[in-house]
Every structure is written in C-alpha cells, then in structure tokens.
Amino acid sequence: MKLKMKNTLFFLILLCLACQKDKDSSPKDSMTIMDDCYSNAYQDSSTIAANLIGNWTLIDYNCGLCPPPVVVPEASVVFSNGSGTLTFKENPSDPISKLNFTWSLERIPLSSDPSSMFRLETDPTDVLLTAEVFCEDFLFVNQTAFDGVLLLYEKE
C-alpha cells in the first residue's frame, strides 16, 4: 500500500513539473511582444537597416476599419540590401502573389515616440509593407488606436 502511495505521489510531482515546463515555454502574445519591442527598439537607422536583411513572417494582423470577418493574410518578406520581395495571399482561396520592391528608412518628423523614429518606405507601396517599430526579432506598426492596421512580423 505504501509503495502504491509513493508511486502516486511521484507521478503527481512529475505531472506538476511537466505542466510547469509547458507553461514556461508557451509563446508570448502579440501585446507582450510589442511592449518588449517598444522597450528595446532600435534607434539608429544603420542598425535597423542591417537587422532588416533576412526573412520575416507575418504573425499577427488586425484591421480597424475592415468589415468582419477580418481575414488574416499570409505574408512573408525577404529584405536584401535596398530591395526585397513580399509574398502574400490576401485570402486562403487566392493564389500566391509576389511583389518586388525597393526600400529605405525615412525619419519620422517630430516623432514624440522614441521607439518609432523611422518608418519603412517602399516603392511600390503596400499596406503589408508598413513598419515603424524595429527590434531584434520583430518589426511592426500598430495603428489600431486610429482604426488602422496592426502588422507584426517575426524574423525567421
């Protein structure tokens, strides 16, 4: 009987440890990511430009003025030195589209937000290529307070 109780207690302890491990390894939500990114945003255009080079995937999207239901597009961006390619599907049934573009960083005049001193400018422009906050693993724009868009990209 004591052996059975010890085994049961041991099993419960292992179960609690496993649950704690899963809890700690859960992904961050978008608001936490953006808060962290605001706190650690790059302030220098050359640092931002160097960090942009690579592959990025859209991980969160919201649209304030879009009629429901809001469909989250699939999008990824590859930035190289001064140019890039946006690959996207607006709706699940749409074919995959590609847009080649050139990019630069534009200083935001009179920005009162120190975490957003630059914005991504592209030619041609596309709403999916909007970004104003840049940190190591994420870039985003959050204009939902003005019924605008939220775009959150993660570096691969």
C-alpha atoms as a PDB file:
ATOM      1  CA  MET A   1       0.000   0.000   0.000  1.00  0.00           C
ATOM      2  CA  LYS A   2       2.823   2.419   0.900  1.00  0.00           C
ATOM      3  CA  LEU A   3       4.542   1.630  -2.387  1.00  0.00           C
ATOM      4  CA  LYS A   4       1.374   2.493  -4.300  1.00  0.00           C
ATOM      5  CA  MET A   5       1.086   5.833  -2.448  1.00  0.00           C
ATOM      6  CA  LYS A   6       4.747   6.634  -3.160  1.00  0.00           C
ATOM      7  CA  ASN A   7       4.260   5.850  -6.855  1.00  0.00           C
ATOM      8  CA  THR A   8       1.135   8.012  -6.962  1.00  0.00           C
ATOM      9  CA  LEU A   9       2.923  10.885  -5.218  1.00  0.00           C
ATOM     10  CA  PHE A  10       5.895  10.541  -7.558  1.00  0.00           C
ATOM     11  CA  PHE A  11       3.556  10.593 -10.584  1.00  0.00           C
ATOM     12  CA  LEU A  12       1.789  13.734  -9.308  1.00  0.00           C
ATOM     13  CA  ILE A  13       5.101  15.526  -8.785  1.00  0.00           C
ATOM     14  CA  LEU A  14       6.216  14.638 -12.313  1.00  0.00           C
ATOM     15  CA  LEU A  15       2.883  15.816 -13.690  1.00  0.00           C
ATOM     16  CA  CYS A  16       3.201  19.155 -11.893  1.00  0.00           C
ATOM     17  CA  LEU A  17       6.739  19.622 -13.207  1.00  0.00           C
ATOM     18  CA  ALA A  18       5.626  18.818 -16.744  1.00  0.00           C
ATOM     19  CA  CYS A  19       2.753  21.310 -16.506  1.00  0.00           C
ATOM     20  CA  GLN A  20       5.104  23.995 -15.223  1.00  0.00           C
ATOM     21  CA  LYS A  21       7.517  23.361 -18.088  1.00  0.00           C
ATOM     22  CA  ASP A  22       4.720  23.738 -20.674  1.00  0.00           C
ATOM     23  CA  LYS A  23       3.570  26.947 -19.015  1.00  0.00           C
ATOM     24  CA  ASP A  24       7.053  28.457 -19.158  1.00  0.00           C
ATOM     25  CA  SER A  25       7.592  27.535 -22.804  1.00  0.00           C
ATOM     26  CA  SER A  26       4.327  28.966 -24.114  1.00  0.00           C
ATOM     27  CA  PRO A  27       4.719  31.613 -26.826  1.00  0.00           C
ATOM     28  CA  LYS A  28       4.313  35.277 -25.973  1.00  0.00           C
ATOM     29  CA  ASP A  29       1.165  37.043 -27.070  1.00  0.00           C
ATOM     30  CA  SER A  30       1.380  39.906 -29.551  1.00  0.00           C
ATOM     31  CA  MET A  31       0.859  42.674 -26.991  1.00  0.00           C
ATOM     32  CA  THR A  32       3.719  41.359 -24.841  1.00  0.00           C
ATOM     33  CA  ILE A  33       5.952  41.115 -27.913  1.00  0.00           C
ATOM     34  CA  MET A  34       5.127  44.679 -28.939  1.00  0.00           C
ATOM     35  CA  ASP A  35       5.622  46.030 -25.399  1.00  0.00           C
ATOM     36  CA  ASP A  36       9.033  44.332 -25.235  1.00  0.00           C
ATOM     37  CA  CYS A  37       9.876  45.634 -28.694  1.00  0.00           C
ATOM     38  CA  TYR A  38       8.911  49.212 -27.748  1.00  0.00           C
ATOM     39  CA  SER A  39      11.262  48.932 -24.761  1.00  0.00           C
ATOM     40  CA  ASN A  40      14.148  47.598 -26.879  1.00  0.00           C
ATOM     41  CA  ALA A  41      13.520  49.356 -30.187  1.00  0.00           C
ATOM     42  CA  TYR A  42      16.460  50.206 -32.396  1.00  0.00           C
ATOM     43  CA  GLN A  43      17.039  53.954 -32.624  1.00  0.00           C
ATOM     44  CA  ASP A  44      19.735  54.074 -35.273  1.00  0.00           C
ATOM     45  CA  SER A  45      18.907  53.763 -38.984  1.00  0.00           C
ATOM     46  CA  SER A  46      22.055  51.776 -39.819  1.00  0.00           C
ATOM     47  CA  THR A  47      21.265  49.238 -37.068  1.00  0.00           C
ATOM     48  CA  ILE A  48      17.670  48.951 -38.299  1.00  0.00           C
ATOM     49  CA  ALA A  49      18.789  48.544 -41.915  1.00  0.00           C
ATOM     50  CA  ALA A  50      21.337  45.836 -41.041  1.00  0.00           C
ATOM     51  CA  ASN A  51      18.766  43.950 -38.953  1.00  0.00           C
ATOM     52  CA  LEU A  52      16.112  44.096 -41.692  1.00  0.00           C
ATOM     53  CA  ILE A  53      18.198  41.925 -44.009  1.00  0.00           C
ATOM     54  CA  GLY A  54      16.693  38.439 -43.941  1.00  0.00           C
ATOM     55  CA  ASN A  55      13.343  36.650 -43.924  1.00  0.00           C
ATOM     56  CA  TRP A  56      10.297  37.872 -41.978  1.00  0.00           C
ATOM     57  CA  THR A  57       6.877  36.254 -41.460  1.00  0.00           C
ATOM     58  CA  LEU A  58       3.615  38.000 -40.601  1.00  0.00           C
ATOM     59  CA  ILE A  59       2.492  36.544 -37.257  1.00  0.00           C
ATOM     60  CA  ASP A  60      -0.332  38.934 -36.317  1.00  0.00           C
ATOM     61  CA  TYR A  61      -2.694  41.193 -38.221  1.00  0.00           C
ATOM     62  CA  ASN A  62      -5.693  43.335 -37.382  1.00  0.00           C
ATOM     63  CA  CYS A  63      -7.625  45.908 -39.333  1.00  0.00           C
ATOM     64  CA  GLY A  64      -9.725  48.523 -37.551  1.00  0.00           C
ATOM     65  CA  LEU A  65     -11.892  49.619 -40.477  1.00  0.00           C
ATOM     66  CA  CYS A  66     -12.204  46.275 -42.236  1.00  0.00           C
ATOM     67  CA  PRO A  67     -15.699  44.782 -42.180  1.00  0.00           C
ATOM     68  CA  PRO A  68     -15.942  41.495 -40.312  1.00  0.00           C
ATOM     69  CA  PRO A  69     -14.845  38.849 -40.634  1.00  0.00           C
ATOM     70  CA  VAL A  70     -11.244  40.063 -40.786  1.00  0.00           C
ATOM     71  CA  VAL A  71      -9.215  37.570 -42.789  1.00  0.00           C
ATOM     72  CA  VAL A  72      -5.591  37.367 -41.730  1.00  0.00           C
ATOM     73  CA  PRO A  73      -3.409  37.370 -44.836  1.00  0.00           C
ATOM     74  CA  GLU A  74      -0.471  35.033 -45.179  1.00  0.00           C
ATOM     75  CA  ALA A  75       2.619  37.127 -45.787  1.00  0.00           C
ATOM     76  CA  SER A  76       6.378  36.877 -45.704  1.00  0.00           C
ATOM     77  CA  VAL A  77       9.026  39.394 -46.667  1.00  0.00           C
ATOM     78  CA  VAL A  78      12.607  38.888 -47.734  1.00  0.00           C
ATOM     79  CA  PHE A  79      14.750  42.000 -47.329  1.00  0.00           C
ATOM     80  CA  SER A  80      18.089  42.318 -49.047  1.00  0.00           C
ATOM     81  CA  ASN A  81      20.276  45.392 -49.349  1.00  0.00           C
ATOM     82  CA  GLY A  82      17.849  48.068 -50.634  1.00  0.00           C
ATOM     83  CA  SER A  83      15.330  45.700 -52.217  1.00  0.00           C
ATOM     84  CA  GLY A  84      13.001  42.914 -51.247  1.00  0.00           C
ATOM     85  CA  THR A  85      10.155  40.572 -52.116  1.00  0.00           C
ATOM     86  CA  LEU A  86       6.762  40.376 -50.451  1.00  0.00           C
ATOM     87  CA  THR A  87       4.969  37.041 -50.866  1.00  0.00           C
ATOM     88  CA  PHE A  88       1.340  37.033 -49.779  1.00  0.00           C
ATOM     89  CA  LYS A  89      -2.167  35.638 -50.035  1.00  0.00           C
ATOM     90  CA  GLU A  90      -4.953  38.054 -49.078  1.00  0.00           C
ATOM     91  CA  ASN A  91      -7.485  35.219 -48.679  1.00  0.00           C
ATOM     92  CA  PRO A  92      -6.948  31.479 -48.305  1.00  0.00           C
ATOM     93  CA  SER A  93      -8.521  30.847 -51.717  1.00  0.00           C
ATOM     94  CA  ASP A  94      -6.336  33.439 -53.510  1.00  0.00           C
ATOM     95  CA  PRO A  95      -3.244  32.477 -55.471  1.00  0.00           C
ATOM     96  CA  ILE A  96       0.123  33.408 -54.016  1.00  0.00           C
ATOM     97  CA  SER A  97       1.209  36.883 -55.133  1.00  0.00           C
ATOM     98  CA  LYS A  98       4.701  38.346 -55.180  1.00  0.00           C
ATOM     99  CA  LEU A  99       5.692  41.974 -55.106  1.00  0.00           C
ATOM    100  CA  ASN A 100       9.280  43.093 -55.691  1.00  0.00           C
ATOM    101  CA  PHE A 101      10.139  46.431 -54.122  1.00  0.00           C
ATOM    102  CA  THR A 102      12.916  48.777 -53.160  1.00  0.00           C
ATOM    103  CA  TRP A 103      13.079  50.072 -49.605  1.00  0.00           C
ATOM    104  CA  SER A 104      14.560  52.785 -47.465  1.00  0.00           C
ATOM    105  CA  LEU A 105      14.106  54.125 -43.975  1.00  0.00           C
ATOM    106  CA  GLU A 106      12.532  57.550 -43.582  1.00  0.00           C
ATOM    107  CA  ARG A 107      12.929  59.575 -40.423  1.00  0.00           C
ATOM    108  CA  ILE A 108       9.539  60.377 -38.881  1.00  0.00           C
ATOM    109  CA  PRO A 109       9.455  64.144 -38.409  1.00  0.00           C
ATOM    110  CA  LEU A 110       8.672  65.342 -34.893  1.00  0.00           C
ATOM    111  CA  SER A 111       8.081  61.827 -33.608  1.00  0.00           C
ATOM    112  CA  SER A 112       7.082  62.000 -29.959  1.00  0.00           C
ATOM    113  CA  ASP A 113       7.629  58.259 -29.597  1.00  0.00           C
ATOM    114  CA  PRO A 114      11.339  57.452 -29.166  1.00  0.00           C
ATOM    115  CA  SER A 115      10.717  53.816 -30.164  1.00  0.00           C
ATOM    116  CA  SER A 116       9.410  54.891 -33.568  1.00  0.00           C
ATOM    117  CA  MET A 117      11.851  57.341 -35.101  1.00  0.00           C
ATOM    118  CA  PHE A 118      11.899  55.734 -38.563  1.00  0.00           C
ATOM    119  CA  ARG A 119       9.370  54.189 -40.908  1.00  0.00           C
ATOM    120  CA  LEU A 120       9.834  51.722 -43.701  1.00  0.00           C
ATOM    121  CA  GLU A 121       9.271  53.310 -47.113  1.00  0.00           C
ATOM    122  CA  THR A 122       8.849  51.049 -50.142  1.00  0.00           C
ATOM    123  CA  ASP A 123       8.361  51.507 -53.851  1.00  0.00           C
ATOM    124  CA  PRO A 124       5.828  50.358 -54.780  1.00  0.00           C
ATOM    125  CA  THR A 125       3.947  50.761 -51.514  1.00  0.00           C
ATOM    126  CA  ASP A 126       1.721  48.103 -49.977  1.00  0.00           C
ATOM    127  CA  VAL A 127      -0.103  48.089 -46.651  1.00  0.00           C
ATOM    128  CA  LEU A 128       1.633  44.787 -45.817  1.00  0.00           C
ATOM    129  CA  LEU A 129       4.982  46.610 -46.025  1.00  0.00           C
ATOM    130  CA  THR A 130       4.233  49.085 -43.237  1.00  0.00           C
ATOM    131  CA  ALA A 131       6.554  49.198 -40.220  1.00  0.00           C
ATOM    132  CA  GLU A 132       7.508  51.861 -37.684  1.00  0.00           C
ATOM    133  CA  VAL A 133       8.972  49.945 -34.739  1.00  0.00           C
ATOM    134  CA  PHE A 134      12.054  47.778 -35.231  1.00  0.00           C
ATOM    135  CA  CYS A 135      13.741  45.476 -32.727  1.00  0.00           C
ATOM    136  CA  GLU A 136      15.955  42.402 -32.955  1.00  0.00           C
ATOM    137  CA  ASP A 137      13.388  39.736 -33.839  1.00  0.00           C
ATOM    138  CA  PHE A 138      10.265  41.763 -34.653  1.00  0.00           C
ATOM    139  CA  LEU A 139       9.074  44.711 -36.690  1.00  0.00           C
ATOM    140  CA  PHE A 140       5.598  46.177 -36.599  1.00  0.00           C
ATOM    141  CA  VAL A 141       3.178  49.013 -36.965  1.00  0.00           C
ATOM    142  CA  ASN A 142       0.183  49.350 -34.657  1.00  0.00           C
ATOM    143  CA  GLN A 143      -2.303  51.966 -35.814  1.00  0.00           C
ATOM    144  CA  THR A 144      -5.359  50.255 -34.295  1.00  0.00           C
ATOM    145  CA  ALA A 145      -5.950  53.201 -31.955  1.00  0.00           C
ATOM    146  CA  PHE A 146      -6.851  55.154 -35.099  1.00  0.00           C
ATOM    147  CA  ASP A 147      -8.860  52.304 -36.717  1.00  0.00           C
ATOM    148  CA  GLY A 148      -5.795  51.443 -38.754  1.00  0.00           C
ATOM    149  CA  VAL A 149      -3.852  48.236 -39.163  1.00  0.00           C
ATOM    150  CA  LEU A 150      -1.699  46.105 -36.911  1.00  0.00           C
ATOM    151  CA  LEU A 151       1.083  44.221 -38.663  1.00  0.00           C
ATOM    152  CA  LEU A 152       3.534  42.189 -36.594  1.00  0.00           C
ATOM    153  CA  TYR A 153       6.382  40.389 -38.346  1.00  0.00           C
ATOM    154  CA  GLU A 154       8.875  37.968 -36.806  1.00  0.00           C
ATOM    155  CA  LYS A 155      12.348  37.343 -38.165  1.00  0.00           C
ATOM    156  CA  GLU A 156      12.942  33.731 -39.201  1.00  0.00           C
END
